[in-house]
Amino acid sequence: MTNIQHQIEIVENTLVQEILHEKEESFEADEETDSIATEAEEELTGLIEKKKTTLEEEKSKVTTKIETLTTKTTDLESTIESTTKTITETKGKIDTITSTTTSLIE
C-alpha cells in the first residue's frame, strides 16, 4: 500500500466516522423534537379539555338561568291573567252597583 492510498483510506475512514456521528446527532435531534412535540400536544390537549369543561359549566349555568327566567315569566303571565280577570270581575260588580244605585235614585 502506498502512502497516498493509506492517506486516502484515513480520509475515507474519517469521513465515514463523521457521517455516522452526524447521523447519530440527527437521530437524537429527531427524538428530542418528537418528545417536545408530544409534550406540546399533551399540554394543548389538557388546555382544550379544561376550556371545554369551563364552557360546559358556563353553558349549564346559563341554561339554569334561562329556565329560571322562563318559569318566572310564566308565573308573571299567570299573575297578570288572574289580576286582569279580577279587575274585570270587579268592574262588572261596580257597574252593577252603579246601575242599581242609579235605578234607586231615579
PDB file of N, CA and C in Angstrom:
ATOM      1  N   MET A   1       0.856  -1.157   0.000  1.00  0.00           N
ATOM      2  CA  MET A   1       0.000   0.000   0.000  1.00  0.00           C
ATOM      3  C   MET A   1       0.904   1.221   0.000  1.00  0.00           C
ATOM      4  N   THR A   2       0.540   2.113  -0.866  1.00  0.00           N
ATOM      5  CA  THR A   2       1.362   3.323  -0.977  1.00  0.00           C
ATOM      6  C   THR A   2       0.907   4.329   0.056  1.00  0.00           C
ATOM      7  N   ASN A   3       1.723   5.280   0.234  1.00  0.00           N
ATOM      8  CA  ASN A   3       1.458   6.325   1.211  1.00  0.00           C
ATOM      9  C   ASN A   3       0.180   7.087   0.849  1.00  0.00           C
ATOM     10  N   ILE A   4      -0.031   7.333  -0.441  1.00  0.00           N
ATOM     11  CA  ILE A   4      -1.210   8.067  -0.899  1.00  0.00           C
ATOM     12  C   ILE A   4      -2.459   7.229  -0.640  1.00  0.00           C
ATOM     13  N   GLN A   5      -2.375   5.927  -0.943  1.00  0.00           N
ATOM     14  CA  GLN A   5      -3.531   5.056  -0.694  1.00  0.00           C
ATOM     15  C   GLN A   5      -3.861   5.024   0.798  1.00  0.00           C
ATOM     16  N   HIS A   6      -2.847   4.972   1.596  1.00  0.00           N
ATOM     17  CA  HIS A   6      -3.046   4.959   3.044  1.00  0.00           C
ATOM     18  C   HIS A   6      -3.715   6.266   3.510  1.00  0.00           C
ATOM     19  N   GLN A   7      -3.250   7.370   2.989  1.00  0.00           N
ATOM     20  CA  GLN A   7      -3.849   8.660   3.342  1.00  0.00           C
ATOM     21  C   GLN A   7      -5.312   8.737   2.867  1.00  0.00           C
ATOM     22  N   ILE A   8      -5.584   8.178   1.673  1.00  0.00           N
ATOM     23  CA  ILE A   8      -6.962   8.160   1.160  1.00  0.00           C
ATOM     24  C   ILE A   8      -7.847   7.340   2.093  1.00  0.00           C
ATOM     25  N   GLU A   9      -7.355   6.190   2.540  1.00  0.00           N
ATOM     26  CA  GLU A   9      -8.122   5.346   3.467  1.00  0.00           C
ATOM     27  C   GLU A   9      -8.390   6.083   4.779  1.00  0.00           C
ATOM     28  N   ILE A  10      -7.392   6.772   5.274  1.00  0.00           N
ATOM     29  CA  ILE A  10      -7.562   7.530   6.526  1.00  0.00           C
ATOM     30  C   ILE A  10      -8.637   8.599   6.342  1.00  0.00           C
ATOM     31  N   VAL A  11      -8.582   9.318   5.236  1.00  0.00           N
ATOM     32  CA  VAL A  11      -9.578  10.360   4.952  1.00  0.00           C
ATOM     33  C   VAL A  11     -10.957   9.731   4.809  1.00  0.00           C
ATOM     34  N   GLU A  12     -11.021   8.580   4.079  1.00  0.00           N
ATOM     35  CA  GLU A  12     -12.306   7.887   3.909  1.00  0.00           C
ATOM     36  C   GLU A  12     -12.862   7.447   5.260  1.00  0.00           C
ATOM     37  N   ASN A  13     -12.048   6.873   6.106  1.00  0.00           N
ATOM     38  CA  ASN A  13     -12.482   6.432   7.438  1.00  0.00           C
ATOM     39  C   ASN A  13     -12.953   7.619   8.287  1.00  0.00           C
ATOM     40  N   THR A  14     -12.192   8.702   8.206  1.00  0.00           N
ATOM     41  CA  THR A  14     -12.563   9.897   8.940  1.00  0.00           C
ATOM     42  C   THR A  14     -13.921  10.411   8.469  1.00  0.00           C
ATOM     43  N   LEU A  15     -14.144  10.425   7.155  1.00  0.00           N
ATOM     44  CA  LEU A  15     -15.420  10.876   6.598  1.00  0.00           C
ATOM     45  C   LEU A  15     -16.569   9.953   7.027  1.00  0.00           C
ATOM     46  N   VAL A  16     -16.290   8.641   7.011  1.00  0.00           N
ATOM     47  CA  VAL A  16     -17.314   7.679   7.439  1.00  0.00           C
ATOM     48  C   VAL A  16     -17.663   7.924   8.901  1.00  0.00           C
ATOM     49  N   GLN A  17     -16.668   8.140   9.749  1.00  0.00           N
ATOM     50  CA  GLN A  17     -16.906   8.405  11.169  1.00  0.00           C
ATOM     51  C   GLN A  17     -17.710   9.697  11.365  1.00  0.00           C
ATOM     52  N   GLU A  18     -17.363  10.725  10.595  1.00  0.00           N
ATOM     53  CA  GLU A  18     -18.087  11.988  10.697  1.00  0.00           C
ATOM     54  C   GLU A  18     -19.541  11.827  10.241  1.00  0.00           C
ATOM     55  N   ILE A  19     -19.757  11.076   9.169  1.00  0.00           N
ATOM     56  CA  ILE A  19     -21.120  10.824   8.674  1.00  0.00           C
ATOM     57  C   ILE A  19     -21.933  10.064   9.720  1.00  0.00           C
ATOM     58  N   LEU A  20     -21.307   9.024  10.317  1.00  0.00           N
ATOM     59  CA  LEU A  20     -22.006   8.255  11.357  1.00  0.00           C
ATOM     60  C   LEU A  20     -22.344   9.147  12.555  1.00  0.00           C
ATOM     61  N   HIS A  21     -21.404   9.996  12.930  1.00  0.00           N
ATOM     62  CA  HIS A  21     -21.621  10.910  14.050  1.00  0.00           C
ATOM     63  C   HIS A  21     -22.762  11.883  13.731  1.00  0.00           C
ATOM     64  N   GLU A  22     -22.804  12.431  12.534  1.00  0.00           N
ATOM     65  CA  GLU A  22     -23.864  13.358  12.121  1.00  0.00           C
ATOM     66  C   GLU A  22     -25.217  12.651  12.107  1.00  0.00           C
ATOM     67  N   LYS A  23     -25.238  11.395  11.639  1.00  0.00           N
ATOM     68  CA  LYS A  23     -26.483  10.629  11.633  1.00  0.00           C
ATOM     69  C   LYS A  23     -26.994  10.433  13.055  1.00  0.00           C
ATOM     70  N   GLU A  24     -26.071  10.121  13.971  1.00  0.00           N
ATOM     71  CA  GLU A  24     -26.445   9.909  15.369  1.00  0.00           C
ATOM     72  C   GLU A  24     -27.002  11.202  15.977  1.00  0.00           C
ATOM     73  N   GLU A  25     -26.340  12.320  15.725  1.00  0.00           N
ATOM     74  CA  GLU A  25     -26.822  13.600  16.230  1.00  0.00           C
ATOM     75  C   GLU A  25     -28.180  13.953  15.632  1.00  0.00           C
ATOM     76  N   SER A  26     -28.351  13.652  14.352  1.00  0.00           N
ATOM     77  CA  SER A  26     -29.624  13.909  13.687  1.00  0.00           C
ATOM     78  C   SER A  26     -30.731  13.066  14.304  1.00  0.00           C
ATOM     79  N   PHE A  27     -30.419  11.794  14.585  1.00  0.00           N
ATOM     80  CA  PHE A  27     -31.394  10.897  15.208  1.00  0.00           C
ATOM     81  C   PHE A  27     -31.783  11.406  16.596  1.00  0.00           C
ATOM     82  N   GLU A  28     -30.792  11.843  17.384  1.00  0.00           N
ATOM     83  CA  GLU A  28     -31.061  12.382  18.715  1.00  0.00           C
ATOM     84  C   GLU A  28     -31.910  13.653  18.627  1.00  0.00           C
ATOM     85  N   ALA A  29     -31.618  14.503  17.642  1.00  0.00           N
ATOM     86  CA  ALA A  29     -32.400  15.728  17.461  1.00  0.00           C
ATOM     87  C   ALA A  29     -33.844  15.380  17.095  1.00  0.00           C
ATOM     88  N   ASP A  30     -34.019  14.369  16.248  1.00  0.00           N
ATOM     89  CA  ASP A  30     -35.380  13.930  15.891  1.00  0.00           C
ATOM     90  C   ASP A  30     -36.126  13.424  17.119  1.00  0.00           C
ATOM     91  N   GLU A  31     -35.423  12.654  17.964  1.00  0.00           N
ATOM     92  CA  GLU A  31     -36.062  12.148  19.181  1.00  0.00           C
ATOM     93  C   GLU A  31     -36.474  13.300  20.094  1.00  0.00           C
ATOM     94  N   GLU A  32     -35.591  14.284  20.215  1.00  0.00           N
ATOM     95  CA  GLU A  32     -35.891  15.434  21.070  1.00  0.00           C
ATOM     96  C   GLU A  32     -37.073  16.227  20.494  1.00  0.00           C
ATOM     97  N   THR A  33     -37.080  16.401  19.172  1.00  0.00           N
ATOM     98  CA  THR A  33     -38.188  17.097  18.517  1.00  0.00           C
ATOM     99  C   THR A  33     -39.496  16.347  18.749  1.00  0.00           C
ATOM    100  N   ASP A  34     -39.459  15.026  18.604  1.00  0.00           N
ATOM    101  CA  ASP A  34     -40.656  14.217  18.847  1.00  0.00           C
ATOM    102  C   ASP A  34     -41.124  14.361  20.291  1.00  0.00           C
ATOM    103  N   SER A  35     -40.186  14.363  21.204  1.00  0.00           N
ATOM    104  CA  SER A  35     -40.515  14.499  22.622  1.00  0.00           C
ATOM    105  C   SER A  35     -41.163  15.854  22.899  1.00  0.00           C
ATOM    106  N   ILE A  36     -40.595  16.910  22.343  1.00  0.00           N
ATOM    107  CA  ILE A  36     -41.143  18.256  22.527  1.00  0.00           C
ATOM    108  C   ILE A  36     -42.535  18.339  21.904  1.00  0.00           C
ATOM    109  N   ALA A  37     -42.690  17.769  20.721  1.00  0.00           N
ATOM    110  CA  ALA A  37     -43.996  17.787  20.050  1.00  0.00           C
ATOM    111  C   ALA A  37     -45.036  17.032  20.873  1.00  0.00           C
ATOM    112  N   THR A  38     -44.640  15.898  21.443  1.00  0.00           N
ATOM    113  CA  THR A  38     -45.564  15.119  22.267  1.00  0.00           C
ATOM    114  C   THR A  38     -45.970  15.900  23.509  1.00  0.00           C
ATOM    115  N   GLU A  39     -44.992  16.522  24.165  1.00  0.00           N
ATOM    116  CA  GLU A  39     -45.294  17.338  25.348  1.00  0.00           C
ATOM    117  C   GLU A  39     -46.236  18.484  24.995  1.00  0.00           C
ATOM    118  N   ALA A  40     -45.958  19.144  23.878  1.00  0.00           N
ATOM    119  CA  ALA A  40     -46.804  20.267  23.455  1.00  0.00           C
ATOM    120  C   ALA A  40     -48.216  19.788  23.152  1.00  0.00           C
ATOM    121  N   GLU A  41     -48.323  18.660  22.492  1.00  0.00           N
ATOM    122  CA  GLU A  41     -49.645  18.101  22.167  1.00  0.00           C
ATOM    123  C   GLU A  41     -50.415  17.760  23.442  1.00  0.00           C
ATOM    124  N   GLU A  42     -49.732  17.156  24.406  1.00  0.00           N
ATOM    125  CA  GLU A  42     -50.380  16.808  25.674  1.00  0.00           C
ATOM    126  C   GLU A  42     -50.830  18.063  26.419  1.00  0.00           C
ATOM    127  N   GLU A  43     -49.977  19.086  26.408  1.00  0.00           N
ATOM    128  CA  GLU A  43     -50.325  20.336  27.095  1.00  0.00           C
ATOM    129  C   GLU A  43     -51.523  21.004  26.422  1.00  0.00           C
ATOM    130  N   LEU A  44     -51.504  21.042  25.082  1.00  0.00           N
ATOM    131  CA  LEU A  44     -52.628  21.640  24.355  1.00  0.00           C
ATOM    132  C   LEU A  44     -53.918  20.853  24.587  1.00  0.00           C
ATOM    133  N   THR A  45     -53.820  19.545  24.593  1.00  0.00           N
ATOM    134  CA  THR A  45     -54.994  18.715  24.844  1.00  0.00           C
ATOM    135  C   THR A  45     -55.552  19.009  26.229  1.00  0.00           C
ATOM    136  N   GLY A  46     -54.670  19.135  27.206  1.00  0.00           N
ATOM    137  CA  GLY A  46     -55.097  19.471  28.568  1.00  0.00           C
ATOM    138  C   GLY A  46     -55.782  20.822  28.627  1.00  0.00           C
ATOM    139  N   LEU A  47     -55.207  21.813  27.954  1.00  0.00           N
ATOM    140  CA  LEU A  47     -55.803  23.150  27.941  1.00  0.00           C
ATOM    141  C   LEU A  47     -57.163  23.145  27.245  1.00  0.00           C
ATOM    142  N   ILE A  48     -57.264  22.402  26.154  1.00  0.00           N
ATOM    143  CA  ILE A  48     -58.534  22.308  25.424  1.00  0.00           C
ATOM    144  C   ILE A  48     -59.592  21.646  26.294  1.00  0.00           C
ATOM    145  N   GLU A  49     -59.226  20.572  26.971  1.00  0.00           N
ATOM    146  CA  GLU A  49     -60.184  19.887  27.857  1.00  0.00           C
ATOM    147  C   GLU A  49     -60.632  20.804  28.996  1.00  0.00           C
ATOM    148  N   LYS A  50     -59.675  21.551  29.555  1.00  0.00           N
ATOM    149  CA  LYS A  50     -60.006  22.473  30.647  1.00  0.00           C
ATOM    150  C   LYS A  50     -60.968  23.548  30.153  1.00  0.00           C
ATOM    151  N   LYS A  51     -60.689  24.121  28.984  1.00  0.00           N
ATOM    152  CA  LYS A  51     -61.551  25.157  28.410  1.00  0.00           C
ATOM    153  C   LYS A  51     -62.926  24.573  28.090  1.00  0.00           C
ATOM    154  N   LYS A  52     -62.948  23.360  27.561  1.00  0.00           N
ATOM    155  CA  LYS A  52     -64.214  22.694  27.238  1.00  0.00           C
ATOM    156  C   LYS A  52     -65.051  22.512  28.505  1.00  0.00           C
ATOM    157  N   THR A  53     -64.413  22.085  29.574  1.00  0.00           N
ATOM    158  CA  THR A  53     -65.110  21.901  30.854  1.00  0.00           C
ATOM    159  C   THR A  53     -65.649  23.237  31.358  1.00  0.00           C
ATOM    160  N   THR A  54     -64.839  24.274  31.283  1.00  0.00           N
ATOM    161  CA  THR A  54     -65.265  25.610  31.719  1.00  0.00           C
ATOM    162  C   THR A  54     -66.466  26.078  30.906  1.00  0.00           C
ATOM    163  N   LEU A  55     -66.415  25.885  29.593  1.00  0.00           N
ATOM    164  CA  LEU A  55     -67.523  26.306  28.735  1.00  0.00           C
ATOM    165  C   LEU A  55     -68.783  25.491  29.022  1.00  0.00           C
ATOM    166  N   GLU A  56     -68.615  24.197  29.291  1.00  0.00           N
ATOM    167  CA  GLU A  56     -69.777  23.368  29.627  1.00  0.00           C
ATOM    168  C   GLU A  56     -70.402  23.822  30.942  1.00  0.00           C
ATOM    169  N   GLU A  57     -69.562  24.194  31.917  1.00  0.00           N
ATOM    170  CA  GLU A  57     -70.077  24.691  33.199  1.00  0.00           C
ATOM    171  C   GLU A  57     -70.817  26.008  32.999  1.00  0.00           C
ATOM    172  N   GLU A  58     -70.241  26.900  32.187  1.00  0.00           N
ATOM    173  CA  GLU A  58     -70.898  28.184  31.911  1.00  0.00           C
ATOM    174  C   GLU A  58     -72.220  27.958  31.177  1.00  0.00           C
ATOM    175  N   LYS A  59     -72.223  27.032  30.231  1.00  0.00           N
ATOM    176  CA  LYS A  59     -73.450  26.718  29.491  1.00  0.00           C
ATOM    177  C   LYS A  59     -74.518  26.211  30.452  1.00  0.00           C
ATOM    178  N   SER A  60     -74.130  25.365  31.377  1.00  0.00           N
ATOM    179  CA  SER A  60     -75.070  24.828  32.354  1.00  0.00           C
ATOM    180  C   SER A  60     -75.657  25.942  33.212  1.00  0.00           C
ATOM    181  N   LYS A  61     -74.798  26.866  33.661  1.00  0.00           N
ATOM    182  CA  LYS A  61     -75.271  27.991  34.477  1.00  0.00           C
ATOM    183  C   LYS A  61     -76.254  28.858  33.690  1.00  0.00           C
ATOM    184  N   VAL A  62     -75.905  29.167  32.433  1.00  0.00           N
ATOM    185  CA  VAL A  62     -76.768  29.998  31.603  1.00  0.00           C
ATOM    186  C   VAL A  62     -78.092  29.285  31.345  1.00  0.00           C
ATOM    187  N   THR A  63     -78.034  27.993  31.083  1.00  0.00           N
ATOM    188  CA  THR A  63     -79.259  27.218  30.852  1.00  0.00           C
ATOM    189  C   THR A  63     -80.151  27.262  32.086  1.00  0.00           C
ATOM    190  N   THR A  64     -79.559  27.116  33.255  1.00  0.00           N
ATOM    191  CA  THR A  64     -80.323  27.180  34.508  1.00  0.00           C
ATOM    192  C   THR A  64     -80.965  28.559  34.670  1.00  0.00           C
ATOM    193  N   LYS A  65     -80.208  29.617  34.373  1.00  0.00           N
ATOM    194  CA  LYS A  65     -80.756  30.971  34.472  1.00  0.00           C
ATOM    195  C   LYS A  65     -81.924  31.152  33.498  1.00  0.00           C
ATOM    196  N   ILE A  66     -81.768  30.644  32.293  1.00  0.00           N
ATOM    197  CA  ILE A  66     -82.835  30.753  31.294  1.00  0.00           C
ATOM    198  C   ILE A  66     -84.081  30.012  31.773  1.00  0.00           C
ATOM    199  N   GLU A  67     -83.883  28.816  32.312  1.00  0.00           N
ATOM    200  CA  GLU A  67     -85.026  28.044  32.821  1.00  0.00           C
ATOM    201  C   GLU A  67     -85.717  28.785  33.971  1.00  0.00           C
ATOM    202  N   THR A  68     -84.927  29.393  34.858  1.00  0.00           N
ATOM    203  CA  THR A  68     -85.487  30.158  35.975  1.00  0.00           C
ATOM    204  C   THR A  68     -86.276  31.356  35.460  1.00  0.00           C
ATOM    205  N   LEU A  69     -85.689  32.078  34.507  1.00  0.00           N
ATOM    206  CA  LEU A  69     -86.381  33.238  33.941  1.00  0.00           C
ATOM    207  C   LEU A  69     -87.657  32.824  33.209  1.00  0.00           C
ATOM    208  N   THR A  70     -87.616  31.706  32.524  1.00  0.00           N
ATOM    209  CA  THR A  70     -88.809  31.203  31.831  1.00  0.00           C
ATOM    210  C   THR A  70     -89.909  30.888  32.831  1.00  0.00           C
ATOM    211  N   THR A  71     -89.533  30.247  33.927  1.00  0.00           N
ATOM    212  CA  THR A  71     -90.509  29.925  34.974  1.00  0.00           C
ATOM    213  C   THR A  71     -91.091  31.204  35.568  1.00  0.00           C
ATOM    214  N   LYS A  72     -90.228  32.176  35.866  1.00  0.00           N
ATOM    215  CA  LYS A  72     -90.700  33.449  36.422  1.00  0.00           C
ATOM    216  C   LYS A  72     -91.619  34.166  35.436  1.00  0.00           C
ATOM    217  N   THR A  73     -91.277  34.130  34.153  1.00  0.00           N
ATOM    218  CA  THR A  73     -92.116  34.760  33.127  1.00  0.00           C
ATOM    219  C   THR A  73     -93.486  34.092  33.074  1.00  0.00           C
ATOM    220  N   THR A  74     -93.505  32.777  33.125  1.00  0.00           N
ATOM    221  CA  THR A  74     -94.765  32.033  33.132  1.00  0.00           C
ATOM    222  C   THR A  74     -95.591  32.405  34.359  1.00  0.00           C
ATOM    223  N   ASP A  75     -94.924  32.479  35.502  1.00  0.00           N
ATOM    224  CA  ASP A  75     -95.622  32.874  36.743  1.00  0.00           C
ATOM    225  C   ASP A  75     -96.198  34.281  36.613  1.00  0.00           C
ATOM    226  N   LEU A  76     -95.424  35.203  36.054  1.00  0.00           N
ATOM    227  CA  LEU A  76     -95.902  36.577  35.865  1.00  0.00           C
ATOM    228  C   LEU A  76     -97.094  36.620  34.917  1.00  0.00           C
ATOM    229  N   GLU A  77     -97.012  35.836  33.848  1.00  0.00           N
ATOM    230  CA  GLU A  77     -98.137  35.794  32.903  1.00  0.00           C
ATOM    231  C   GLU A  77     -99.402  35.297  33.597  1.00  0.00           C
ATOM    232  N   SER A  78     -99.260  34.280  34.440  1.00  0.00           N
ATOM    233  CA  SER A  78    -100.414  33.757  35.185  1.00  0.00           C
ATOM    234  C   SER A  78    -100.963  34.812  36.136  1.00  0.00           C
ATOM    235  N   THR A  79    -100.069  35.516  36.829  1.00  0.00           N
ATOM    236  CA  THR A  79    -100.485  36.563  37.761  1.00  0.00           C
ATOM    237  C   THR A  79    -101.208  37.682  37.010  1.00  0.00           C
ATOM    238  N   ILE A  80    -100.666  38.091  35.878  1.00  0.00           N
ATOM    239  CA  ILE A  80    -101.296  39.143  35.070  1.00  0.00           C
ATOM    240  C   ILE A  80    -102.686  38.691  34.612  1.00  0.00           C
ATOM    241  N   GLU A  81    -102.762  37.461  34.143  1.00  0.00           N
ATOM    242  CA  GLU A  81    -104.050  36.923  33.691  1.00  0.00           C
ATOM    243  C   GLU A  81    -105.067  36.893  34.833  1.00  0.00           C
ATOM    244  N   SER A  82    -104.641  36.423  35.994  1.00  0.00           N
ATOM    245  CA  SER A  82    -105.512  36.359  37.171  1.00  0.00           C
ATOM    246  C   SER A  82    -105.944  37.753  37.611  1.00  0.00           C
ATOM    247  N   THR A  83    -104.999  38.691  37.621  1.00  0.00           N
ATOM    248  CA  THR A  83    -105.296  40.070  38.024  1.00  0.00           C
ATOM    249  C   THR A  83    -106.265  40.712  37.036  1.00  0.00           C
ATOM    250  N   THR A  84    -106.040  40.482  35.751  1.00  0.00           N
ATOM    251  CA  THR A  84    -106.933  41.020  34.722  1.00  0.00           C
ATOM    252  C   THR A  84    -108.352  40.478  34.921  1.00  0.00           C
ATOM    253  N   LYS A  85    -108.465  39.190  35.221  1.00  0.00           N
ATOM    254  CA  LYS A  85    -109.776  38.565  35.463  1.00  0.00           C
ATOM    255  C   LYS A  85    -110.441  39.212  36.690  1.00  0.00           C
ATOM    256  N   THR A  86    -109.669  39.402  37.752  1.00  0.00           N
ATOM    257  CA  THR A  86    -110.204  40.012  38.973  1.00  0.00           C
ATOM    258  C   THR A  86    -110.662  41.442  38.701  1.00  0.00           C
ATOM    259  N   ILE A  87    -109.868  42.190  37.955  1.00  0.00           N
ATOM    260  CA  ILE A  87    -110.235  43.577  37.619  1.00  0.00           C
ATOM    261  C   ILE A  87    -111.529  43.585  36.806  1.00  0.00           C
ATOM    262  N   THR A  88    -111.620  42.691  35.832  1.00  0.00           N
ATOM    263  CA  THR A  88    -112.829  42.609  35.003  1.00  0.00           C
ATOM    264  C   THR A  88    -114.049  42.268  35.851  1.00  0.00           C
ATOM    265  N   GLU A  89    -113.884  41.298  36.755  1.00  0.00           N
ATOM    266  CA  GLU A  89    -114.996  40.920  37.644  1.00  0.00           C
ATOM    267  C   GLU A  89    -115.389  42.084  38.553  1.00  0.00           C
ATOM    268  N   THR A  90    -114.400  42.774  39.104  1.00  0.00           N
ATOM    269  CA  THR A  90    -114.649  43.907  39.992  1.00  0.00           C
ATOM    270  C   THR A  90    -115.337  45.037  39.231  1.00  0.00           C
ATOM    271  N   LYS A  91    -114.883  45.291  38.004  1.00  0.00           N
ATOM    272  CA  LYS A  91    -115.503  46.328  37.172  1.00  0.00           C
ATOM    273  C   LYS A  91    -116.960  45.972  36.913  1.00  0.00           C
ATOM    274  N   GLY A  92    -117.216  44.703  36.650  1.00  0.00           N
ATOM    275  CA  GLY A  92    -118.598  44.254  36.433  1.00  0.00           C
ATOM    276  C   GLY A  92    -119.456  44.498  37.668  1.00  0.00           C
ATOM    277  N   LYS A  93    -118.921  44.190  38.846  1.00  0.00           N
ATOM    278  CA  LYS A  93    -119.654  44.410  40.098  1.00  0.00           C
ATOM    279  C   LYS A  93    -119.916  45.896  40.322  1.00  0.00           C
ATOM    280  N   ILE A  94    -118.880  46.727  40.049  1.00  0.00           N
ATOM    281  CA  ILE A  94    -119.031  48.172  40.203  1.00  0.00           C
ATOM    282  C   ILE A  94    -120.114  48.678  39.253  1.00  0.00           C
ATOM    283  N   ASP A  95    -120.072  48.198  38.010  1.00  0.00           N
ATOM    284  CA  ASP A  95    -121.087  48.599  37.027  1.00  0.00           C
ATOM    285  C   ASP A  95    -122.485  48.221  37.510  1.00  0.00           C
ATOM    286  N   THR A  96    -122.595  47.005  38.086  1.00  0.00           N
ATOM    287  CA  THR A  96    -123.896  46.539  38.595  1.00  0.00           C
ATOM    288  C   THR A  96    -124.353  47.426  39.736  1.00  0.00           C
ATOM    289  N   ILE A  97    -123.454  47.732  40.675  1.00  0.00           N
ATOM    290  CA  ILE A  97    -123.784  48.582  41.821  1.00  0.00           C
ATOM    291  C   ILE A  97    -124.166  49.974  41.335  1.00  0.00           C
ATOM    292  N   THR A  98    -123.413  50.506  40.393  1.00  0.00           N
ATOM    293  CA  THR A  98    -123.690  51.834  39.841  1.00  0.00           C
ATOM    294  C   THR A  98    -125.063  51.846  39.181  1.00  0.00           C
ATOM    295  N   SER A  99    -125.340  50.812  38.421  1.00  0.00           N
ATOM    296  CA  SER A  99    -126.614  50.713  37.725  1.00  0.00           C
ATOM    297  C   SER A  99    -127.772  50.624  38.729  1.00  0.00           C
ATOM    298  N   THR A 100    -127.550  49.795  39.771  1.00  0.00           N
ATOM    299  CA  THR A 100    -128.584  49.636  40.802  1.00  0.00           C
ATOM    300  C   THR A 100    -128.793  50.938  41.538  1.00  0.00           C
ATOM    301  N   THR A 101    -127.709  51.617  41.885  1.00  0.00           N
ATOM    302  CA  THR A 101    -127.784  52.884  42.599  1.00  0.00           C
ATOM    303  C   THR A 101    -128.506  53.921  41.744  1.00  0.00           C
ATOM    304  N   THR A 102    -128.165  53.961  40.492  1.00  0.00           N
ATOM    305  CA  THR A 102    -128.791  54.909  39.584  1.00  0.00           C
ATOM    306  C   THR A 102    -130.293  54.635  39.480  1.00  0.00           C
ATOM    307  N   SER A 103    -130.654  53.360  39.417  1.00  0.00           N
ATOM    308  CA  SER A 103    -132.071  52.976  39.337  1.00  0.00           C
ATOM    309  C   SER A 103    -132.808  53.382  40.613  1.00  0.00           C
ATOM    310  N   LEU A 104    -132.169  53.241  41.755  1.00  0.00           N
ATOM    311  CA  LEU A 104    -132.779  53.585  43.027  1.00  0.00           C
ATOM    312  C   LEU A 104    -132.965  55.100  43.164  1.00  0.00           C
ATOM    313  N   ILE A 105    -131.990  55.828  42.647  1.00  0.00           N
ATOM    314  CA  ILE A 105    -132.032  57.290  42.743  1.00  0.00           C
ATOM    315  C   ILE A 105    -133.146  57.845  41.860  1.00  0.00           C
ATOM    316  N   GLU A 106    -133.371  57.263  40.744  1.00  0.00           N
ATOM    317  CA  GLU A 106    -134.355  57.777  39.795  1.00  0.00           C
ATOM    318  C   GLU A 106    -135.701  57.479  40.248  1.00  0.00           C
TER     319      GLU A 106
END
